[in-house]
Amino acid sequence: MLVECVINVSEGRDLPAVQAIAAEAGGTLLDVHSDADHHRSVLTLGGDPADVEQAARAVVGAAVAAIDLAGHQGVHPRFGAADVVPFVPLDPDDGLDTALSLRARFAAWAGATLAVPCFLYGPERPLPEVRREAFRTLTPDTGPPSPHPTAGATAVGARPPLVAYNLWISMQEGGTADNGGAVELARSVAAAIRSPAVLSLGLPMAEGAQVSCNLVDPLTTDLAALVDAVGHLVGEAGGRVDRLELVGLLPAAMLRTVPPRRWSELSVSEEQTVEARLAAPVG
C-alpha cells in the first residue's frame, strides 16, 4: 500500500529555505515545485504510509518554524505557513480509509505539538469551503481556536489524486498584469472552464496572468482538450497562451490519456508521473 502527501507551504522565493524544509522529507521526497508569484512551494511525498506520516510531520514542523506569514504576499490563496496537507491514496482499491486515518492522526499531532489550528477537508467538505469559512462559521477541528501567531492555520485533507496545471496568458501586444487586461481575461476564462471536475482561478502574475487549474478528476479530464479550450477562448479575446506548466506530478494513467505527440507541447512526460518518482525519488 502506498500513499502520497502533497504539502503546500507558503514560501516560494527563498529557495534555500524551501530546500531545507524539503530535506526533512528524506527518502519520501518525490518532487519540489516553487513559484515566486504564488509565493508557494508544493512538496510531494510518497511511499509507505508510516514513512509518509513521519516525513509529513518533519516537513510541516520545519515549515512552521521557518515561515512567518506576517507581511506574506502572494497571488495564491493561503491561510497558513503549512497551508495544505492532503493525504492521497495511490492504490485505487484502498479508497480513502488509510488517508482518513493519516489525516486524523496528523491533525491531532499538529494541533497539540505545534499549536497550529487544523481544519479537516475531504469527504465532509471541500477545501474552498474551508478557506471561505475558517474562523467564521468553521472552528478548528484540532488545535487552538485562533490562528497561530506566525504560522496561521493548516487545512489537512484526505482526497483522491488531483492534478494542478497552470496556463500563462497575455494580451497579443504583450500586456502585463498591472494593465488589467490579461488578468480580466484570465478570470473570465477560468470562469468559463470551471466545472465539478476542473477548479480554476484567474490570477495576476508579474507579467501577464495565469489560469490556475486543479483537475480533481484527472482520469476523466482530457488535458489536451482543456488546453485547447483555453487557447481558443484566449485567442478569441485577443490574447495568447505563453506557457503551460504541470505543478508537481500526475498519475501515469492520466498521462496515457494524452496523445504522446502532444506531451512536449503540454509540458508533461513519463518522468513527471508519480509512479516514475516512486521508483526514483529525489529525496
C-alpha atoms as a PDB file:
ATOM      1  CA  MET A   1       0.000   0.000   0.000  1.00  0.00           C
ATOM      2  CA  LEU A   2       1.344   3.424  -0.990  1.00  0.00           C
ATOM      3  CA  VAL A   3       0.191   6.946  -0.178  1.00  0.00           C
ATOM      4  CA  GLU A   4       1.095  10.443  -1.240  1.00  0.00           C
ATOM      5  CA  CYS A   5       1.157  13.678   0.756  1.00  0.00           C
ATOM      6  CA  VAL A   6       1.220  16.928  -1.233  1.00  0.00           C
ATOM      7  CA  ILE A   7       2.282  19.635   1.211  1.00  0.00           C
ATOM      8  CA  ASN A   8       1.804  23.261   0.126  1.00  0.00           C
ATOM      9  CA  VAL A   9       3.998  25.685   2.060  1.00  0.00           C
ATOM     10  CA  SER A  10       3.795  29.476   1.887  1.00  0.00           C
ATOM     11  CA  GLU A  11       7.340  30.124   0.663  1.00  0.00           C
ATOM     12  CA  GLY A  12       8.296  30.283  -2.986  1.00  0.00           C
ATOM     13  CA  ARG A  13      11.066  32.884  -3.120  1.00  0.00           C
ATOM     14  CA  ASP A  14      13.684  31.865  -0.558  1.00  0.00           C
ATOM     15  CA  LEU A  15      14.769  28.673  -2.310  1.00  0.00           C
ATOM     16  CA  PRO A  16      17.424  27.664   0.243  1.00  0.00           C
ATOM     17  CA  ALA A  17      14.696  27.803   2.904  1.00  0.00           C
ATOM     18  CA  VAL A  18      12.434  25.658   0.729  1.00  0.00           C
ATOM     19  CA  GLN A  19      15.267  23.170   0.184  1.00  0.00           C
ATOM     20  CA  ALA A  20      15.890  22.950   3.932  1.00  0.00           C
ATOM     21  CA  ILE A  21      12.207  22.275   4.587  1.00  0.00           C
ATOM     22  CA  ALA A  22      12.047  19.700   1.787  1.00  0.00           C
ATOM     23  CA  ALA A  23      15.153  17.923   3.098  1.00  0.00           C
ATOM     24  CA  GLU A  24      13.139  16.898   6.158  1.00  0.00           C
ATOM     25  CA  ALA A  25      11.162  14.517   3.921  1.00  0.00           C
ATOM     26  CA  GLY A  26      14.208  12.308   3.369  1.00  0.00           C
ATOM     27  CA  GLY A  27      13.641   9.404   1.019  1.00  0.00           C
ATOM     28  CA  THR A  28       9.903  10.073   0.702  1.00  0.00           C
ATOM     29  CA  LEU A  29      10.508  13.291  -1.284  1.00  0.00           C
ATOM     30  CA  LEU A  30       9.289  12.859  -4.862  1.00  0.00           C
ATOM     31  CA  ASP A  31       9.138  16.443  -6.141  1.00  0.00           C
ATOM     32  CA  VAL A  32       9.519  20.123  -5.205  1.00  0.00           C
ATOM     33  CA  HIS A  33       7.852  22.880  -7.203  1.00  0.00           C
ATOM     34  CA  SER A  34       8.315  26.551  -6.228  1.00  0.00           C
ATOM     35  CA  ASP A  35       6.596  29.633  -7.653  1.00  0.00           C
ATOM     36  CA  ALA A  36       7.692  33.161  -6.759  1.00  0.00           C
ATOM     37  CA  ASP A  37       4.450  34.835  -7.902  1.00  0.00           C
ATOM     38  CA  HIS A  38       2.359  32.402  -5.889  1.00  0.00           C
ATOM     39  CA  HIS A  39       4.980  32.651  -3.091  1.00  0.00           C
ATOM     40  CA  ARG A  40       4.305  28.978  -2.582  1.00  0.00           C
ATOM     41  CA  SER A  41       6.024  25.625  -2.918  1.00  0.00           C
ATOM     42  CA  VAL A  42       4.452  22.225  -3.446  1.00  0.00           C
ATOM     43  CA  LEU A  43       6.336  19.314  -1.881  1.00  0.00           C
ATOM     44  CA  THR A  44       5.212  15.862  -2.991  1.00  0.00           C
ATOM     45  CA  LEU A  45       5.961  12.978  -0.614  1.00  0.00           C
ATOM     46  CA  GLY A  46       5.189   9.351  -1.346  1.00  0.00           C
ATOM     47  CA  GLY A  47       5.723   5.828  -0.126  1.00  0.00           C
ATOM     48  CA  ASP A  48       4.705   3.584   2.753  1.00  0.00           C
ATOM     49  CA  PRO A  49       2.006   5.246   4.933  1.00  0.00           C
ATOM     50  CA  ALA A  50       4.091   5.129   8.123  1.00  0.00           C
ATOM     51  CA  ASP A  51       7.093   6.676   6.388  1.00  0.00           C
ATOM     52  CA  VAL A  52       5.000   9.393   4.741  1.00  0.00           C
ATOM     53  CA  GLU A  53       3.268  10.192   8.028  1.00  0.00           C
ATOM     54  CA  GLN A  54       6.568  10.750   9.833  1.00  0.00           C
ATOM     55  CA  ALA A  55       8.043  12.712   6.938  1.00  0.00           C
ATOM     56  CA  ALA A  56       4.982  14.959   6.747  1.00  0.00           C
ATOM     57  CA  ARG A  57       5.360  15.788  10.436  1.00  0.00           C
ATOM     58  CA  ALA A  58       9.019  16.664   9.950  1.00  0.00           C
ATOM     59  CA  VAL A  59       8.326  18.830   6.889  1.00  0.00           C
ATOM     60  CA  VAL A  60       5.450  20.711   8.467  1.00  0.00           C
ATOM     61  CA  GLY A  61       7.353  21.205  11.709  1.00  0.00           C
ATOM     62  CA  ALA A  62      10.206  22.757   9.728  1.00  0.00           C
ATOM     63  CA  ALA A  63       7.810  24.954   7.729  1.00  0.00           C
ATOM     64  CA  VAL A  64       6.082  26.247  10.857  1.00  0.00           C
ATOM     65  CA  ALA A  65       9.453  27.071  12.404  1.00  0.00           C
ATOM     66  CA  ALA A  66      10.826  28.805   9.298  1.00  0.00           C
ATOM     67  CA  ILE A  67       7.888  30.717   7.788  1.00  0.00           C
ATOM     68  CA  ASP A  68       6.291  33.848   9.234  1.00  0.00           C
ATOM     69  CA  LEU A  69       3.078  34.859   7.491  1.00  0.00           C
ATOM     70  CA  ALA A  70       3.372  38.462   8.665  1.00  0.00           C
ATOM     71  CA  GLY A  71       3.774  40.527   5.519  1.00  0.00           C
ATOM     72  CA  HIS A  72       3.447  37.476   3.275  1.00  0.00           C
ATOM     73  CA  GLN A  73       2.195  38.436  -0.177  1.00  0.00           C
ATOM     74  CA  GLY A  74       1.437  36.011  -2.974  1.00  0.00           C
ATOM     75  CA  VAL A  75      -1.282  35.653  -5.578  1.00  0.00           C
ATOM     76  CA  HIS A  76      -2.386  32.192  -4.423  1.00  0.00           C
ATOM     77  CA  PRO A  77      -4.949  31.947  -1.590  1.00  0.00           C
ATOM     78  CA  ARG A  78      -3.398  30.800   1.700  1.00  0.00           C
ATOM     79  CA  PHE A  79      -4.015  30.957   5.426  1.00  0.00           C
ATOM     80  CA  GLY A  80      -1.076  29.037   6.810  1.00  0.00           C
ATOM     81  CA  ALA A  81       2.689  28.569   6.672  1.00  0.00           C
ATOM     82  CA  ALA A  82       1.989  24.886   6.029  1.00  0.00           C
ATOM     83  CA  ASP A  83      -1.155  25.803   4.164  1.00  0.00           C
ATOM     84  CA  VAL A  84      -2.472  22.487   2.860  1.00  0.00           C
ATOM     85  CA  VAL A  85      -1.534  18.930   3.864  1.00  0.00           C
ATOM     86  CA  PRO A  86      -3.594  16.371   1.922  1.00  0.00           C
ATOM     87  CA  PHE A  87      -3.100  12.612   2.207  1.00  0.00           C
ATOM     88  CA  VAL A  88      -3.813  10.755  -1.035  1.00  0.00           C
ATOM     89  CA  PRO A  89      -4.189   7.006  -1.629  1.00  0.00           C
ATOM     90  CA  LEU A  90      -2.137   5.676  -4.533  1.00  0.00           C
ATOM     91  CA  ASP A  91      -3.760   2.239  -4.516  1.00  0.00           C
ATOM     92  CA  PRO A  92      -7.109   2.534  -6.357  1.00  0.00           C
ATOM     93  CA  ASP A  93      -8.511  -0.323  -4.261  1.00  0.00           C
ATOM     94  CA  ASP A  94      -7.716   1.383  -0.953  1.00  0.00           C
ATOM     95  CA  GLY A  95     -10.410   4.055  -1.034  1.00  0.00           C
ATOM     96  CA  LEU A  96      -9.911   6.834   1.487  1.00  0.00           C
ATOM     97  CA  ASP A  97      -9.699   4.732   4.663  1.00  0.00           C
ATOM     98  CA  THR A  98      -5.919   4.960   5.059  1.00  0.00           C
ATOM     99  CA  ALA A  99      -5.855   8.635   4.060  1.00  0.00           C
ATOM    100  CA  LEU A 100      -8.572   9.465   6.591  1.00  0.00           C
ATOM    101  CA  SER A 101      -6.621   7.722   9.355  1.00  0.00           C
ATOM    102  CA  LEU A 102      -3.452   9.600   8.424  1.00  0.00           C
ATOM    103  CA  ARG A 103      -5.390  12.857   8.302  1.00  0.00           C
ATOM    104  CA  ALA A 104      -6.849  12.355  11.754  1.00  0.00           C
ATOM    105  CA  ARG A 105      -3.510  11.485  13.354  1.00  0.00           C
ATOM    106  CA  PHE A 106      -1.659  14.309  11.633  1.00  0.00           C
ATOM    107  CA  ALA A 107      -4.235  16.963  12.576  1.00  0.00           C
ATOM    108  CA  ALA A 108      -4.238  15.801  16.198  1.00  0.00           C
ATOM    109  CA  TRP A 109      -0.427  15.943  16.265  1.00  0.00           C
ATOM    110  CA  ALA A 110      -0.137  19.372  14.611  1.00  0.00           C
ATOM    111  CA  GLY A 111      -2.780  20.879  16.873  1.00  0.00           C
ATOM    112  CA  ALA A 112      -1.205  19.527  20.056  1.00  0.00           C
ATOM    113  CA  THR A 113       2.506  19.680  19.243  1.00  0.00           C
ATOM    114  CA  LEU A 114       2.760  22.760  17.001  1.00  0.00           C
ATOM    115  CA  ALA A 115      -0.248  24.665  18.400  1.00  0.00           C
ATOM    116  CA  VAL A 116      -1.433  25.163  14.830  1.00  0.00           C
ATOM    117  CA  PRO A 117      -5.220  25.026  14.368  1.00  0.00           C
ATOM    118  CA  CYS A 118      -6.195  22.442  11.775  1.00  0.00           C
ATOM    119  CA  PHE A 119      -9.295  22.273   9.610  1.00  0.00           C
ATOM    120  CA  LEU A 120     -10.215  18.949   8.041  1.00  0.00           C
ATOM    121  CA  TYR A 121     -11.348  18.669   4.438  1.00  0.00           C
ATOM    122  CA  GLY A 122     -12.242  15.827   2.136  1.00  0.00           C
ATOM    123  CA  PRO A 123     -15.465  13.811   2.105  1.00  0.00           C
ATOM    124  CA  GLU A 124     -17.271  16.130   4.538  1.00  0.00           C
ATOM    125  CA  ARG A 125     -16.317  19.473   2.974  1.00  0.00           C
ATOM    126  CA  PRO A 126     -14.155  20.758   0.083  1.00  0.00           C
ATOM    127  CA  LEU A 127     -11.029  22.855   0.527  1.00  0.00           C
ATOM    128  CA  PRO A 128     -12.607  26.062  -0.921  1.00  0.00           C
ATOM    129  CA  GLU A 129     -15.260  25.913   1.810  1.00  0.00           C
ATOM    130  CA  VAL A 130     -12.560  25.687   4.472  1.00  0.00           C
ATOM    131  CA  ARG A 131     -10.817  28.738   3.000  1.00  0.00           C
ATOM    132  CA  ARG A 132     -14.062  30.725   2.976  1.00  0.00           C
ATOM    133  CA  GLU A 133     -15.377  29.733   6.384  1.00  0.00           C
ATOM    134  CA  ALA A 134     -12.325  29.109   8.595  1.00  0.00           C
ATOM    135  CA  PHE A 135     -12.594  31.076  11.864  1.00  0.00           C
ATOM    136  CA  ARG A 136     -16.005  32.323  10.688  1.00  0.00           C
ATOM    137  CA  THR A 137     -18.620  29.592  10.609  1.00  0.00           C
ATOM    138  CA  LEU A 138     -15.986  26.835  10.972  1.00  0.00           C
ATOM    139  CA  THR A 139     -13.973  26.312  14.137  1.00  0.00           C
ATOM    140  CA  PRO A 140     -10.737  24.279  14.036  1.00  0.00           C
ATOM    141  CA  ASP A 141     -11.105  20.521  14.287  1.00  0.00           C
ATOM    142  CA  THR A 142      -7.885  20.333  16.309  1.00  0.00           C
ATOM    143  CA  GLY A 143      -5.569  22.808  17.964  1.00  0.00           C
ATOM    144  CA  PRO A 144      -6.278  26.251  19.417  1.00  0.00           C
ATOM    145  CA  PRO A 145      -9.368  28.253  18.422  1.00  0.00           C
ATOM    146  CA  SER A 146      -7.424  31.134  16.859  1.00  0.00           C
ATOM    147  CA  PRO A 147      -4.591  31.300  14.291  1.00  0.00           C
ATOM    148  CA  HIS A 148      -1.002  30.594  15.281  1.00  0.00           C
ATOM    149  CA  PRO A 149       0.769  33.993  15.551  1.00  0.00           C
ATOM    150  CA  THR A 150       3.242  33.269  12.750  1.00  0.00           C
ATOM    151  CA  ALA A 151       2.025  30.059  11.084  1.00  0.00           C
ATOM    152  CA  GLY A 152      -1.708  30.725  10.779  1.00  0.00           C
ATOM    153  CA  ALA A 153      -3.685  27.526  10.269  1.00  0.00           C
ATOM    154  CA  THR A 154      -3.446  24.323   8.245  1.00  0.00           C
ATOM    155  CA  ALA A 155      -6.007  22.532   6.102  1.00  0.00           C
ATOM    156  CA  VAL A 156      -5.464  18.781   6.474  1.00  0.00           C
ATOM    157  CA  GLY A 157      -7.138  16.674   3.840  1.00  0.00           C
ATOM    158  CA  ALA A 158      -7.942  13.186   2.625  1.00  0.00           C
ATOM    159  CA  ARG A 159      -8.683  13.153  -1.079  1.00  0.00           C
ATOM    160  CA  PRO A 160      -8.210  11.196  -4.310  1.00  0.00           C
ATOM    161  CA  PRO A 161      -5.376  12.197  -6.662  1.00  0.00           C
ATOM    162  CA  LEU A 162      -5.675  15.536  -8.422  1.00  0.00           C
ATOM    163  CA  VAL A 163      -3.503  17.339 -10.953  1.00  0.00           C
ATOM    164  CA  ALA A 164      -2.514  21.004 -10.695  1.00  0.00           C
ATOM    165  CA  TYR A 165      -1.900  22.707 -14.027  1.00  0.00           C
ATOM    166  CA  ASN A 166      -1.207  26.330 -14.937  1.00  0.00           C
ATOM    167  CA  LEU A 167      -1.552  28.266 -18.180  1.00  0.00           C
ATOM    168  CA  TRP A 168       0.171  31.669 -18.530  1.00  0.00           C
ATOM    169  CA  ILE A 169      -1.607  34.142 -20.775  1.00  0.00           C
ATOM    170  CA  SER A 170      -1.013  37.684 -22.020  1.00  0.00           C
ATOM    171  CA  MET A 171      -2.514  40.104 -24.487  1.00  0.00           C
ATOM    172  CA  GLN A 172      -1.152  39.943 -28.036  1.00  0.00           C
ATOM    173  CA  GLU A 173       0.599  43.255 -27.651  1.00  0.00           C
ATOM    174  CA  GLY A 174       2.416  41.975 -24.587  1.00  0.00           C
ATOM    175  CA  GLY A 175       0.131  43.362 -21.910  1.00  0.00           C
ATOM    176  CA  THR A 176       1.145  42.930 -18.278  1.00  0.00           C
ATOM    177  CA  ALA A 177      -0.733  42.193 -15.100  1.00  0.00           C
ATOM    178  CA  ASP A 178      -0.851  45.808 -13.976  1.00  0.00           C
ATOM    179  CA  ASN A 179      -2.819  46.963 -17.044  1.00  0.00           C
ATOM    180  CA  GLY A 180      -5.619  44.642 -16.015  1.00  0.00           C
ATOM    181  CA  GLY A 181      -6.343  43.271 -19.479  1.00  0.00           C
ATOM    182  CA  ALA A 182      -4.639  39.917 -19.112  1.00  0.00           C
ATOM    183  CA  VAL A 183      -5.955  39.457 -15.568  1.00  0.00           C
ATOM    184  CA  GLU A 184      -9.528  40.210 -16.593  1.00  0.00           C
ATOM    185  CA  LEU A 185      -9.184  37.739 -19.457  1.00  0.00           C
ATOM    186  CA  ALA A 186      -7.708  35.046 -17.173  1.00  0.00           C
ATOM    187  CA  ARG A 187     -10.599  35.428 -14.757  1.00  0.00           C
ATOM    188  CA  SER A 188     -13.221  35.206 -17.496  1.00  0.00           C
ATOM    189  CA  VAL A 189     -11.550  32.128 -18.998  1.00  0.00           C
ATOM    190  CA  ALA A 190     -11.244  30.481 -15.579  1.00  0.00           C
ATOM    191  CA  ALA A 191     -14.976  31.015 -15.030  1.00  0.00           C
ATOM    192  CA  ALA A 192     -15.787  29.587 -18.462  1.00  0.00           C
ATOM    193  CA  ILE A 193     -13.861  26.326 -17.972  1.00  0.00           C
ATOM    194  CA  ARG A 194     -14.813  25.807 -14.324  1.00  0.00           C
ATOM    195  CA  SER A 195     -16.772  22.620 -13.572  1.00  0.00           C
ATOM    196  CA  PRO A 196     -17.100  19.977 -10.868  1.00  0.00           C
ATOM    197  CA  ALA A 197     -14.028  18.290 -12.370  1.00  0.00           C
ATOM    198  CA  VAL A 198     -11.988  21.469 -13.009  1.00  0.00           C
ATOM    199  CA  LEU A 199     -11.475  24.062 -10.278  1.00  0.00           C
ATOM    200  CA  SER A 200      -9.944  27.190 -11.775  1.00  0.00           C
ATOM    201  CA  LEU A 201      -8.821  30.699 -10.858  1.00  0.00           C
ATOM    202  CA  GLY A 202      -7.571  33.667 -12.856  1.00  0.00           C
ATOM    203  CA  LEU A 203      -4.524  35.120 -11.102  1.00  0.00           C
ATOM    204  CA  PRO A 204      -2.308  38.190 -11.732  1.00  0.00           C
ATOM    205  CA  MET A 205       1.348  37.437 -12.329  1.00  0.00           C
ATOM    206  CA  ALA A 206       4.464  39.589 -12.514  1.00  0.00           C
ATOM    207  CA  GLU A 207       3.906  39.619 -16.272  1.00  0.00           C
ATOM    208  CA  GLY A 208       0.583  38.712 -17.833  1.00  0.00           C
ATOM    209  CA  ALA A 209      -1.780  36.464 -15.909  1.00  0.00           C
ATOM    210  CA  GLN A 210      -2.434  32.826 -15.167  1.00  0.00           C
ATOM    211  CA  VAL A 211      -5.330  30.418 -15.425  1.00  0.00           C
ATOM    212  CA  SER A 212      -4.605  28.101 -12.489  1.00  0.00           C
ATOM    213  CA  CYS A 213      -6.431  24.759 -12.552  1.00  0.00           C
ATOM    214  CA  ASN A 214      -6.942  21.846 -10.188  1.00  0.00           C
ATOM    215  CA  LEU A 215      -8.140  18.800 -12.101  1.00  0.00           C
ATOM    216  CA  VAL A 216      -9.961  16.983  -9.339  1.00  0.00           C
ATOM    217  CA  ASP A 217     -10.987  14.038 -11.522  1.00  0.00           C
ATOM    218  CA  PRO A 218      -7.808  13.672 -13.582  1.00  0.00           C
ATOM    219  CA  LEU A 219      -8.531  10.260 -15.057  1.00  0.00           C
ATOM    220  CA  THR A 220     -11.649  11.547 -16.796  1.00  0.00           C
ATOM    221  CA  THR A 221     -10.386  15.031 -17.663  1.00  0.00           C
ATOM    222  CA  ASP A 222      -8.997  15.472 -21.174  1.00  0.00           C
ATOM    223  CA  LEU A 223      -5.939  17.661 -20.570  1.00  0.00           C
ATOM    224  CA  ALA A 224      -5.308  18.302 -24.258  1.00  0.00           C
ATOM    225  CA  ALA A 225      -8.923  19.339 -24.805  1.00  0.00           C
ATOM    226  CA  LEU A 226      -8.777  21.632 -21.766  1.00  0.00           C
ATOM    227  CA  VAL A 227      -5.652  23.372 -23.046  1.00  0.00           C
ATOM    228  CA  ASP A 228      -7.206  23.709 -26.500  1.00  0.00           C
ATOM    229  CA  ALA A 229     -10.356  25.227 -24.997  1.00  0.00           C
ATOM    230  CA  VAL A 230      -8.359  27.792 -23.052  1.00  0.00           C
ATOM    231  CA  GLY A 231      -6.309  28.622 -26.151  1.00  0.00           C
ATOM    232  CA  HIS A 232      -9.476  29.159 -28.169  1.00  0.00           C
ATOM    233  CA  LEU A 233     -11.087  31.417 -25.563  1.00  0.00           C
ATOM    234  CA  VAL A 234      -7.899  33.421 -25.068  1.00  0.00           C
ATOM    235  CA  GLY A 235      -7.329  33.801 -28.802  1.00  0.00           C
ATOM    236  CA  GLU A 236     -10.884  34.961 -29.424  1.00  0.00           C
ATOM    237  CA  ALA A 237     -10.334  37.742 -26.872  1.00  0.00           C
ATOM    238  CA  GLY A 238      -7.100  38.941 -28.465  1.00  0.00           C
ATOM    239  CA  GLY A 239      -4.730  37.160 -26.108  1.00  0.00           C
ATOM    240  CA  ARG A 240      -2.299  34.282 -26.301  1.00  0.00           C
ATOM    241  CA  VAL A 241      -1.171  31.350 -24.183  1.00  0.00           C
ATOM    242  CA  ASP A 242       2.517  31.862 -23.465  1.00  0.00           C
ATOM    243  CA  ARG A 243       3.398  28.872 -21.309  1.00  0.00           C
ATOM    244  CA  LEU A 244       1.982  25.662 -19.854  1.00  0.00           C
ATOM    245  CA  GLU A 245       3.049  24.067 -16.584  1.00  0.00           C
ATOM    246  CA  LEU A 246       2.348  20.929 -14.619  1.00  0.00           C
ATOM    247  CA  VAL A 247       2.636  21.633 -10.888  1.00  0.00           C
ATOM    248  CA  GLY A 248       4.078  18.628  -9.115  1.00  0.00           C
ATOM    249  CA  LEU A 249       3.301  15.210 -10.564  1.00  0.00           C
ATOM    250  CA  LEU A 250       0.490  13.418 -12.389  1.00  0.00           C
ATOM    251  CA  PRO A 251      -0.729   9.799 -12.360  1.00  0.00           C
ATOM    252  CA  ALA A 252       0.646   7.642 -15.163  1.00  0.00           C
ATOM    253  CA  ALA A 253      -2.932   6.700 -16.047  1.00  0.00           C
ATOM    254  CA  MET A 254      -3.686  10.345 -16.852  1.00  0.00           C
ATOM    255  CA  LEU A 255      -0.560  10.675 -18.980  1.00  0.00           C
ATOM    256  CA  ARG A 256      -1.804   7.713 -21.017  1.00  0.00           C
ATOM    257  CA  THR A 257      -4.932   9.707 -21.945  1.00  0.00           C
ATOM    258  CA  VAL A 258      -2.758  12.383 -23.618  1.00  0.00           C
ATOM    259  CA  PRO A 259      -1.512  11.656 -27.152  1.00  0.00           C
ATOM    260  CA  PRO A 260       2.281  11.157 -26.883  1.00  0.00           C
ATOM    261  CA  ARG A 261       2.847  13.575 -29.767  1.00  0.00           C
ATOM    262  CA  ARG A 262       1.481  16.335 -27.512  1.00  0.00           C
ATOM    263  CA  TRP A 263       3.422  15.535 -24.333  1.00  0.00           C
ATOM    264  CA  SER A 264       6.201  18.040 -25.018  1.00  0.00           C
ATOM    265  CA  GLU A 265       3.752  20.748 -26.059  1.00  0.00           C
ATOM    266  CA  LEU A 266       1.714  20.260 -22.872  1.00  0.00           C
ATOM    267  CA  SER A 267       4.822  20.092 -20.638  1.00  0.00           C
ATOM    268  CA  VAL A 268       4.173  16.555 -19.394  1.00  0.00           C
ATOM    269  CA  SER A 269       6.373  13.481 -19.539  1.00  0.00           C
ATOM    270  CA  GLU A 270       6.823   9.977 -18.181  1.00  0.00           C
ATOM    271  CA  GLU A 271       9.415  11.308 -15.731  1.00  0.00           C
ATOM    272  CA  GLN A 272       6.756  13.576 -14.176  1.00  0.00           C
ATOM    273  CA  THR A 273       4.476  10.723 -13.149  1.00  0.00           C
ATOM    274  CA  VAL A 274       4.021   9.680  -9.542  1.00  0.00           C
ATOM    275  CA  GLU A 275       4.969   6.145 -10.475  1.00  0.00           C
ATOM    276  CA  ALA A 276       8.279   7.185 -12.038  1.00  0.00           C
ATOM    277  CA  ARG A 277       9.246   9.228  -8.980  1.00  0.00           C
ATOM    278  CA  LEU A 278       8.326   6.439  -6.599  1.00  0.00           C
ATOM    279  CA  ALA A 279      10.818   4.317  -8.488  1.00  0.00           C
ATOM    280  CA  ALA A 280      13.460   7.063  -8.289  1.00  0.00           C
ATOM    281  CA  PRO A 281      12.659   9.585  -5.513  1.00  0.00           C
ATOM    282  CA  VAL A 282      14.582  12.858  -5.323  1.00  0.00           C
ATOM    283  CA  GLY A 283      14.980  12.722  -1.535  1.00  0.00           C
END
